[in-house]
N, C-alpha and C. Protein backbone atom coordinates (compact mmCIF):
# COMPACT_ATOMS: atom_id res chain seq x y z
N UNK A 1 -98.48 -7.64 -39.48
CA UNK A 1 -99.43 -8.17 -40.42
C UNK A 1 -99.53 -7.21 -41.60
N UNK A 2 -99.35 -7.74 -42.80
CA UNK A 2 -99.42 -6.93 -44.01
C UNK A 2 -100.88 -6.70 -44.38
N UNK A 3 -101.20 -5.44 -44.65
CA UNK A 3 -102.57 -5.10 -45.01
C UNK A 3 -102.62 -4.76 -46.49
N UNK A 4 -103.56 -5.37 -47.20
CA UNK A 4 -103.70 -5.12 -48.63
C UNK A 4 -104.98 -4.34 -48.88
N UNK A 5 -104.87 -3.37 -49.77
CA UNK A 5 -106.03 -2.58 -50.14
C UNK A 5 -106.58 -3.07 -51.47
N UNK A 6 -107.88 -2.95 -51.66
CA UNK A 6 -108.50 -3.26 -52.94
C UNK A 6 -108.38 -2.03 -53.82
N UNK A 7 -107.51 -2.06 -54.80
CA UNK A 7 -107.25 -0.92 -55.66
C UNK A 7 -107.96 -1.04 -57.01
N UNK A 8 -108.83 -2.02 -57.16
CA UNK A 8 -109.58 -2.16 -58.40
C UNK A 8 -110.53 -0.99 -58.54
N UNK A 9 -110.70 -0.50 -59.75
CA UNK A 9 -111.62 0.59 -60.00
C UNK A 9 -110.98 1.97 -59.88
N UNK A 10 -109.71 2.04 -59.51
CA UNK A 10 -109.02 3.32 -59.42
C UNK A 10 -108.34 3.59 -60.76
N UNK A 11 -108.54 4.80 -61.28
CA UNK A 11 -107.86 5.21 -62.51
C UNK A 11 -106.55 5.88 -62.12
N UNK A 12 -105.47 5.13 -62.11
CA UNK A 12 -104.19 5.64 -61.65
C UNK A 12 -103.64 6.74 -62.54
N UNK A 13 -104.05 6.80 -63.81
CA UNK A 13 -103.55 7.86 -64.69
C UNK A 13 -104.03 9.23 -64.22
N UNK A 14 -105.16 9.30 -63.55
CA UNK A 14 -105.68 10.57 -63.03
C UNK A 14 -104.84 11.08 -61.86
N UNK A 15 -104.11 10.21 -61.23
CA UNK A 15 -103.25 10.60 -60.12
C UNK A 15 -103.60 9.84 -58.86
N UNK A 16 -102.57 9.36 -58.20
CA UNK A 16 -102.74 8.61 -56.96
C UNK A 16 -101.51 8.83 -56.10
N UNK A 17 -101.73 9.09 -54.83
CA UNK A 17 -100.62 9.25 -53.88
C UNK A 17 -100.73 8.11 -52.87
N UNK A 18 -99.65 7.36 -52.74
CA UNK A 18 -99.61 6.25 -51.79
C UNK A 18 -98.49 6.50 -50.79
N UNK A 19 -98.73 6.13 -49.56
CA UNK A 19 -97.71 6.21 -48.52
C UNK A 19 -97.33 4.77 -48.17
N UNK A 20 -96.09 4.42 -48.46
CA UNK A 20 -95.60 3.04 -48.32
C UNK A 20 -94.62 2.96 -47.16
N UNK A 21 -94.76 1.94 -46.33
CA UNK A 21 -93.80 1.67 -45.27
C UNK A 21 -92.64 0.89 -45.90
N UNK A 22 -91.55 1.61 -46.22
CA UNK A 22 -90.42 1.01 -46.95
C UNK A 22 -89.70 -0.02 -46.09
N UNK A 23 -89.58 -1.23 -46.61
CA UNK A 23 -88.85 -2.27 -45.87
C UNK A 23 -87.34 -2.00 -45.82
N UNK A 24 -86.71 -2.53 -44.80
CA UNK A 24 -85.26 -2.46 -44.65
C UNK A 24 -84.58 -3.09 -45.86
N UNK A 25 -83.53 -2.47 -46.34
CA UNK A 25 -82.69 -2.91 -47.46
C UNK A 25 -83.29 -2.65 -48.83
N UNK A 26 -84.53 -2.22 -48.93
CA UNK A 26 -85.09 -1.83 -50.21
C UNK A 26 -84.70 -0.38 -50.47
N UNK A 27 -84.35 -0.06 -51.70
CA UNK A 27 -84.12 1.33 -52.05
C UNK A 27 -85.45 1.95 -52.45
N UNK A 28 -85.48 3.26 -52.50
CA UNK A 28 -86.69 3.95 -52.97
C UNK A 28 -86.99 3.55 -54.40
N UNK A 29 -85.94 3.38 -55.20
CA UNK A 29 -86.11 2.96 -56.60
C UNK A 29 -86.69 1.54 -56.67
N UNK A 30 -86.34 0.66 -55.74
CA UNK A 30 -86.92 -0.69 -55.70
C UNK A 30 -88.43 -0.62 -55.51
N UNK A 31 -88.88 0.25 -54.61
CA UNK A 31 -90.31 0.40 -54.35
C UNK A 31 -91.02 0.90 -55.60
N UNK A 32 -90.46 1.93 -56.24
CA UNK A 32 -91.04 2.48 -57.47
C UNK A 32 -91.11 1.40 -58.55
N UNK A 33 -90.03 0.65 -58.70
CA UNK A 33 -89.97 -0.40 -59.74
C UNK A 33 -91.03 -1.47 -59.50
N UNK A 34 -91.21 -1.88 -58.26
CA UNK A 34 -92.20 -2.92 -57.96
C UNK A 34 -93.63 -2.42 -58.20
N UNK A 35 -93.89 -1.18 -57.85
CA UNK A 35 -95.22 -0.62 -58.10
C UNK A 35 -95.47 -0.47 -59.59
N UNK A 36 -94.48 0.01 -60.32
CA UNK A 36 -94.62 0.16 -61.77
C UNK A 36 -94.84 -1.20 -62.44
N UNK A 37 -94.12 -2.22 -62.00
CA UNK A 37 -94.29 -3.57 -62.54
C UNK A 37 -95.71 -4.07 -62.30
N UNK A 38 -96.21 -3.85 -61.09
CA UNK A 38 -97.57 -4.29 -60.74
C UNK A 38 -98.61 -3.55 -61.59
N UNK A 39 -98.43 -2.25 -61.75
CA UNK A 39 -99.37 -1.48 -62.57
C UNK A 39 -99.31 -1.90 -64.04
N UNK A 40 -98.12 -2.22 -64.52
CA UNK A 40 -97.98 -2.73 -65.90
C UNK A 40 -98.78 -4.01 -66.08
N UNK A 41 -98.73 -4.89 -65.09
CA UNK A 41 -99.50 -6.14 -65.17
C UNK A 41 -101.00 -5.87 -65.15
N UNK A 42 -101.41 -4.77 -64.54
CA UNK A 42 -102.83 -4.39 -64.47
C UNK A 42 -103.29 -3.64 -65.72
N UNK A 43 -102.38 -3.40 -66.67
CA UNK A 43 -102.76 -2.76 -67.93
C UNK A 43 -102.31 -1.32 -68.09
N UNK A 44 -101.64 -0.77 -67.10
CA UNK A 44 -101.12 0.60 -67.20
C UNK A 44 -99.70 0.52 -67.78
N UNK A 45 -99.60 0.55 -69.10
CA UNK A 45 -98.32 0.28 -69.76
C UNK A 45 -97.33 1.44 -69.71
N UNK A 46 -97.80 2.67 -69.82
CA UNK A 46 -96.86 3.81 -69.86
C UNK A 46 -97.20 4.81 -68.77
N UNK A 47 -97.34 4.35 -67.55
CA UNK A 47 -97.72 5.23 -66.46
C UNK A 47 -96.48 5.69 -65.70
N UNK A 48 -96.50 6.95 -65.29
CA UNK A 48 -95.38 7.48 -64.52
C UNK A 48 -95.56 7.11 -63.05
N UNK A 49 -94.45 6.72 -62.43
CA UNK A 49 -94.42 6.41 -61.00
C UNK A 49 -93.13 7.02 -60.45
N UNK A 50 -93.23 7.73 -59.35
CA UNK A 50 -92.06 8.34 -58.75
C UNK A 50 -92.23 8.43 -57.24
N UNK A 51 -91.23 9.00 -56.58
CA UNK A 51 -91.31 9.18 -55.13
C UNK A 51 -90.97 10.62 -54.79
N UNK A 52 -91.40 11.04 -53.62
CA UNK A 52 -91.18 12.42 -53.19
C UNK A 52 -90.09 12.47 -52.13
N UNK A 53 -88.93 11.95 -52.45
CA UNK A 53 -87.80 11.96 -51.53
C UNK A 53 -87.28 10.56 -51.29
N UNK A 54 -85.98 10.44 -51.27
CA UNK A 54 -85.32 9.15 -51.14
C UNK A 54 -85.11 8.78 -49.66
N UNK A 55 -85.30 7.50 -49.37
CA UNK A 55 -84.92 6.97 -48.06
C UNK A 55 -83.72 6.04 -48.25
N UNK A 56 -82.79 6.10 -47.34
CA UNK A 56 -81.62 5.24 -47.36
C UNK A 56 -82.06 3.77 -47.30
N UNK A 57 -81.36 2.87 -48.01
CA UNK A 57 -81.72 1.44 -47.96
C UNK A 57 -81.67 0.86 -46.55
N UNK A 58 -80.84 1.42 -45.67
CA UNK A 58 -80.75 0.90 -44.31
C UNK A 58 -81.73 1.59 -43.36
N UNK A 59 -82.65 2.38 -43.94
CA UNK A 59 -83.67 3.04 -43.13
C UNK A 59 -85.04 2.45 -43.47
N UNK A 60 -85.89 2.42 -42.47
CA UNK A 60 -87.29 2.10 -42.72
C UNK A 60 -88.08 3.37 -42.47
N UNK A 61 -89.26 3.43 -43.02
CA UNK A 61 -90.07 4.62 -42.81
C UNK A 61 -91.04 4.82 -43.95
N UNK A 62 -91.76 5.91 -43.88
CA UNK A 62 -92.78 6.18 -44.88
C UNK A 62 -92.18 6.82 -46.12
N UNK A 63 -92.54 6.28 -47.25
CA UNK A 63 -92.09 6.77 -48.54
C UNK A 63 -93.32 7.18 -49.33
N UNK A 64 -93.35 8.44 -49.78
CA UNK A 64 -94.49 8.94 -50.55
C UNK A 64 -94.27 8.57 -52.02
N UNK A 65 -95.22 7.80 -52.57
CA UNK A 65 -95.18 7.36 -53.96
C UNK A 65 -96.24 8.12 -54.74
N UNK A 66 -95.86 8.63 -55.89
CA UNK A 66 -96.75 9.40 -56.75
C UNK A 66 -96.97 8.64 -58.05
N UNK A 67 -98.23 8.55 -58.46
CA UNK A 67 -98.58 7.78 -59.66
C UNK A 67 -99.40 8.67 -60.60
N UNK A 68 -99.13 8.53 -61.90
CA UNK A 68 -99.90 9.26 -62.90
C UNK A 68 -99.72 10.77 -62.77
N UNK A 69 -100.83 11.51 -62.84
CA UNK A 69 -100.76 12.97 -62.78
C UNK A 69 -100.26 13.49 -61.44
N UNK A 70 -100.29 12.68 -60.41
CA UNK A 70 -99.79 13.10 -59.10
C UNK A 70 -98.28 13.34 -59.13
N UNK A 71 -97.58 12.79 -60.12
CA UNK A 71 -96.13 13.01 -60.20
C UNK A 71 -95.81 14.49 -60.42
N UNK A 72 -96.78 15.27 -60.88
CA UNK A 72 -96.55 16.70 -61.12
C UNK A 72 -96.38 17.50 -59.83
N UNK A 73 -96.77 16.96 -58.69
CA UNK A 73 -96.62 17.68 -57.42
C UNK A 73 -95.35 17.26 -56.67
N UNK A 74 -94.51 16.49 -57.32
CA UNK A 74 -93.29 15.98 -56.68
C UNK A 74 -92.41 17.11 -56.14
N UNK A 75 -92.15 18.13 -56.95
CA UNK A 75 -91.27 19.22 -56.50
C UNK A 75 -91.86 19.94 -55.30
N UNK A 76 -93.16 20.13 -55.28
CA UNK A 76 -93.80 20.79 -54.15
C UNK A 76 -93.63 19.95 -52.88
N UNK A 77 -93.89 18.67 -52.97
CA UNK A 77 -93.77 17.80 -51.79
C UNK A 77 -92.33 17.72 -51.30
N UNK A 78 -91.38 17.68 -52.23
CA UNK A 78 -89.98 17.55 -51.84
C UNK A 78 -89.46 18.83 -51.18
N UNK A 79 -90.11 19.96 -51.45
CA UNK A 79 -89.66 21.23 -50.84
C UNK A 79 -90.16 21.40 -49.40
N UNK A 80 -91.09 20.57 -48.97
CA UNK A 80 -91.62 20.67 -47.62
C UNK A 80 -90.65 20.12 -46.58
N UNK A 81 -90.76 20.61 -45.35
CA UNK A 81 -89.94 20.10 -44.26
C UNK A 81 -90.34 18.66 -43.92
N UNK A 82 -89.36 17.86 -43.59
CA UNK A 82 -89.60 16.47 -43.21
C UNK A 82 -89.09 16.24 -41.79
N UNK A 83 -89.78 15.37 -41.08
CA UNK A 83 -89.33 15.02 -39.74
C UNK A 83 -89.32 13.53 -39.56
């Protein structure tokens, strides 16, 4: 069952970290592109969106997405050990 969060009222430019369960066959770039498209529709025209490490398209798992000012911690998150 897909769970949706109410994200109204959040200022994404201040920074937001989301943990996404990446679907099979989606690339990490696909996830970033879909989130950026959705934020553009919500009025965030020039917002940065990135991820803290790539997952293979044939893998499922948690993908850390960084939005707005949170993109500045990308290098720190990517340097951490992953399991």
